């Protein structure tokens, strides 16, 4: 069972990364060896925007060659996706949007359907709701089941740690993921 966390923030260790990692750390500290976790920061990765060429309808994969491909493969392999974005002008940041737009190539064969997802937004003051709506639109379109969301406030790197509600919610979602994976794992053993 695999949990993949992706931070779309340009800040490698920023507030969005902190929340995504917080959930993964909870799973690692409470989980068992059957659960594999991985964290990816999109910071520093070359992820070009979708160019609308529609070639992915035939190839069933985005024809552009950049860092998106490796991250997309990991997303296809996971059971639970945790994806977060900071809020820029009341929505996801551009790097997160490029990543999301390129998943259109995975939509044709529903390569992400049936997985579970958690979405995370961080804003300095306002706009978290719209960021959540964009991220929820992404996971809903691809057929993920929602395991919840975390919305937090913070601007400077590390400010999010002062948002007690967001930190507690990360732990609660971590617990929800563990229960889901434990039940799924038990069910698969029974079927064997």
Protein backbone atom coordinates (compact mmCIF):
# COMPACT_ATOMS: atom_id res chain seq x y z
CA UNK A 1 0.00 0.00 0.00
CA UNK A 2 1.53 3.29 -1.08
CA UNK A 3 0.89 6.88 0.00
CA UNK A 4 2.34 9.64 -2.18
CA UNK A 5 2.58 13.24 -1.01
CA UNK A 6 3.12 16.03 -3.53
CA UNK A 7 3.78 19.66 -2.67
CA UNK A 8 3.25 22.03 -5.57
CA UNK A 9 4.95 24.92 -3.80
CA UNK A 10 7.99 26.63 -5.27
CA UNK A 11 9.30 26.81 -1.69
CA UNK A 12 10.90 23.42 -1.15
CA UNK A 13 10.39 23.54 2.62
CA UNK A 14 7.51 26.00 2.74
CA UNK A 15 4.18 25.81 4.52
CA UNK A 16 2.52 23.56 1.94
CA UNK A 17 5.41 21.11 2.14
CA UNK A 18 5.16 21.13 5.94
CA UNK A 19 1.49 20.10 5.88
CA UNK A 20 1.97 17.39 3.25
CA UNK A 21 4.96 16.00 5.17
CA UNK A 22 3.04 16.20 8.47
CA UNK A 23 0.49 13.67 7.20
CA UNK A 24 3.20 11.39 5.83
CA UNK A 25 5.17 11.60 9.09
CA UNK A 26 2.04 10.62 11.02
CA UNK A 27 1.57 7.56 8.80
CA UNK A 28 5.24 6.64 9.12
CA UNK A 29 5.18 6.96 12.91
CA UNK A 30 1.92 5.04 13.41
CA UNK A 31 1.92 2.72 10.45
CA UNK A 32 3.48 -0.60 9.77
CA UNK A 33 6.05 -1.81 7.28
CA UNK A 34 3.33 -2.74 4.76
CA UNK A 35 2.63 0.94 4.12
CA UNK A 36 5.11 2.74 1.88
CA UNK A 37 5.22 6.53 1.86
CA UNK A 38 6.95 8.93 -0.50
CA UNK A 39 7.15 12.71 -0.65
CA UNK A 40 7.84 14.76 -3.78
CA UNK A 41 8.33 18.50 -4.00
CA UNK A 42 7.63 20.00 -7.42
CA UNK A 43 10.06 22.78 -6.48
CA UNK A 44 12.95 22.82 -8.89
CA UNK A 45 11.32 20.36 -11.27
CA UNK A 46 10.80 21.27 -14.91
CA UNK A 47 7.07 20.87 -15.53
CA UNK A 48 5.95 22.59 -18.70
CA UNK A 49 2.36 23.71 -19.24
CA UNK A 50 -0.04 21.64 -21.30
CA UNK A 51 0.12 22.86 -24.89
CA UNK A 52 -3.31 21.50 -25.87
CA UNK A 53 -1.90 19.38 -28.69
CA UNK A 54 -4.35 16.52 -27.95
CA UNK A 55 -1.69 13.96 -28.95
CA UNK A 56 -2.24 12.28 -25.58
CA UNK A 57 -5.61 11.02 -26.81
CA UNK A 58 -3.74 8.61 -29.07
CA UNK A 59 -0.58 8.00 -27.03
CA UNK A 60 -2.46 7.82 -23.69
CA UNK A 61 0.44 9.76 -22.15
CA UNK A 62 1.66 13.33 -22.40
CA UNK A 63 4.12 13.58 -25.30
CA UNK A 64 6.16 16.36 -23.67
CA UNK A 65 9.38 15.18 -22.07
CA UNK A 66 10.21 16.74 -18.72
CA UNK A 67 10.04 15.98 -15.00
CA UNK A 68 6.25 15.55 -15.06
CA UNK A 69 6.58 12.02 -16.45
CA UNK A 70 8.38 10.53 -13.44
CA UNK A 71 5.99 12.14 -10.95
CA UNK A 72 2.95 10.98 -12.95
CA UNK A 73 4.22 7.39 -12.92
CA UNK A 74 4.51 7.51 -9.13
CA UNK A 75 1.00 8.93 -8.90
CA UNK A 76 -0.36 6.04 -10.98
CA UNK A 77 1.33 3.56 -8.60
CA UNK A 78 -0.01 5.07 -5.36
CA UNK A 79 -3.12 4.08 -3.42
CA UNK A 80 -3.48 7.45 -1.67
CA UNK A 81 -2.44 10.82 -3.07
CA UNK A 82 -1.88 13.83 -0.81
CA UNK A 83 -1.55 16.93 -2.97
CA UNK A 84 -1.08 20.49 -1.78
CA UNK A 85 -0.69 23.94 -3.25
CA UNK A 86 -0.10 27.40 -1.89
CA UNK A 87 -2.64 30.04 -2.84
CA UNK A 88 -1.58 32.59 -5.46
CA UNK A 89 -4.24 35.12 -6.47
CA UNK A 90 -7.07 33.06 -4.95
CA UNK A 91 -6.13 29.76 -6.62
CA UNK A 92 -3.42 27.13 -6.98
CA UNK A 93 0.01 28.40 -7.98
CA UNK A 94 1.16 28.09 -11.59
CA UNK A 95 3.50 25.14 -11.01
CA UNK A 96 0.67 23.11 -9.44
CA UNK A 97 -1.65 24.08 -12.29
CA UNK A 98 0.88 22.95 -14.91
CA UNK A 99 1.12 19.60 -13.12
CA UNK A 100 -2.67 19.22 -12.93
CA UNK A 101 -3.27 20.26 -16.54
CA UNK A 102 -0.82 17.67 -17.81
CA UNK A 103 -2.82 14.88 -16.10
CA UNK A 104 -5.38 15.30 -18.89
CA UNK A 105 -3.28 12.67 -20.63
CA UNK A 106 -4.14 10.20 -17.84
CA UNK A 107 -7.84 10.97 -18.00
CA UNK A 108 -8.56 9.19 -21.31
CA UNK A 109 -8.07 5.72 -19.81
CA UNK A 110 -9.01 6.77 -16.25
CA UNK A 111 -5.53 5.83 -14.99
CA UNK A 112 -6.15 7.49 -11.60
CA UNK A 113 -9.72 6.34 -10.97
CA UNK A 114 -10.40 4.40 -7.79
CA UNK A 115 -7.57 5.89 -5.77
CA UNK A 116 -8.00 8.02 -2.66
CA UNK A 117 -6.94 11.63 -2.21
CA UNK A 118 -6.39 14.40 0.32
CA UNK A 119 -6.09 18.00 -0.84
CA UNK A 120 -4.23 20.76 1.00
CA UNK A 121 -4.27 24.51 0.54
CA UNK A 122 -2.26 27.19 2.29
CA UNK A 123 -2.87 30.91 2.10
CA UNK A 124 -1.47 33.96 3.83
CA UNK A 125 -4.86 35.56 4.37
CA UNK A 126 -7.64 34.60 1.95
CA UNK A 127 -8.31 32.37 -1.05
CA UNK A 128 -7.81 28.91 0.45
CA UNK A 129 -11.34 27.91 -0.51
CA UNK A 130 -10.76 28.51 -4.21
CA UNK A 131 -7.45 26.61 -4.08
CA UNK A 132 -9.26 23.70 -2.41
CA UNK A 133 -11.97 23.86 -5.08
CA UNK A 134 -9.40 23.58 -7.87
CA UNK A 135 -7.63 20.68 -6.18
CA UNK A 136 -10.95 18.96 -5.45
CA UNK A 137 -11.96 19.47 -9.08
CA UNK A 138 -8.75 17.73 -10.13
CA UNK A 139 -9.26 14.69 -7.88
CA UNK A 140 -13.00 14.46 -8.59
CA UNK A 141 -12.48 14.60 -12.35
CA UNK A 142 -10.02 11.71 -12.17
CA UNK A 143 -12.32 9.59 -9.99
CA UNK A 144 -10.44 9.72 -6.70
CA UNK A 145 -12.38 9.15 -3.48
CA UNK A 146 -11.90 12.05 -1.08
CA UNK A 147 -10.37 11.43 2.33
CA UNK A 148 -10.70 15.07 3.29
CA UNK A 149 -8.85 18.32 3.09
CA UNK A 150 -6.59 20.56 5.12
CA UNK A 151 -6.64 24.32 4.82
CA UNK A 152 -4.07 26.38 6.67
CA UNK A 153 -2.81 29.91 7.04
CA UNK A 154 0.78 31.05 6.92
CA UNK A 155 3.01 33.25 4.84
CA UNK A 156 6.61 33.02 5.99
CA UNK A 157 8.25 29.60 5.91
CA UNK A 158 7.19 27.76 9.06
CA UNK A 159 4.24 30.05 9.90
CA UNK A 160 1.86 27.15 9.31
CA UNK A 161 3.12 25.49 12.49
CA UNK A 162 1.24 28.20 14.42
CA UNK A 163 -2.05 27.09 12.81
CA UNK A 164 -3.08 24.52 15.43
CA UNK A 165 -6.29 23.61 13.61
CA UNK A 166 -4.40 22.69 10.40
CA UNK A 167 -1.80 20.66 12.30
CA UNK A 168 -4.48 18.72 14.22
CA UNK A 169 -6.38 18.09 11.00
CA UNK A 170 -3.23 16.62 9.42
CA UNK A 171 -3.03 14.09 12.26
CA UNK A 172 -6.73 13.26 11.92
CA UNK A 173 -6.36 12.68 8.19
CA UNK A 174 -3.24 10.60 8.79
CA UNK A 175 -5.31 8.43 11.11
CA UNK A 176 -8.08 8.17 8.50
CA UNK A 177 -5.56 7.03 5.87
CA UNK A 178 -4.14 4.40 8.23
CA UNK A 179 -7.62 3.01 8.92
CA UNK A 180 -8.43 2.91 5.22
CA UNK A 181 -5.18 1.20 4.30
CA UNK A 182 -5.45 -1.24 7.21
CA UNK A 183 -8.99 -2.23 6.18
CA UNK A 184 -7.99 -2.51 2.52
CA UNK A 185 -4.96 -4.59 3.45
CA UNK A 186 -7.05 -6.91 5.66
CA UNK A 187 -9.63 -7.32 2.88
CA UNK A 188 -6.93 -8.25 0.34
CA UNK A 189 -5.51 -10.87 2.72
CA UNK A 190 -8.97 -12.41 3.17
CA UNK A 191 -9.40 -12.64 -0.60
CA UNK A 192 -6.05 -14.41 -1.01
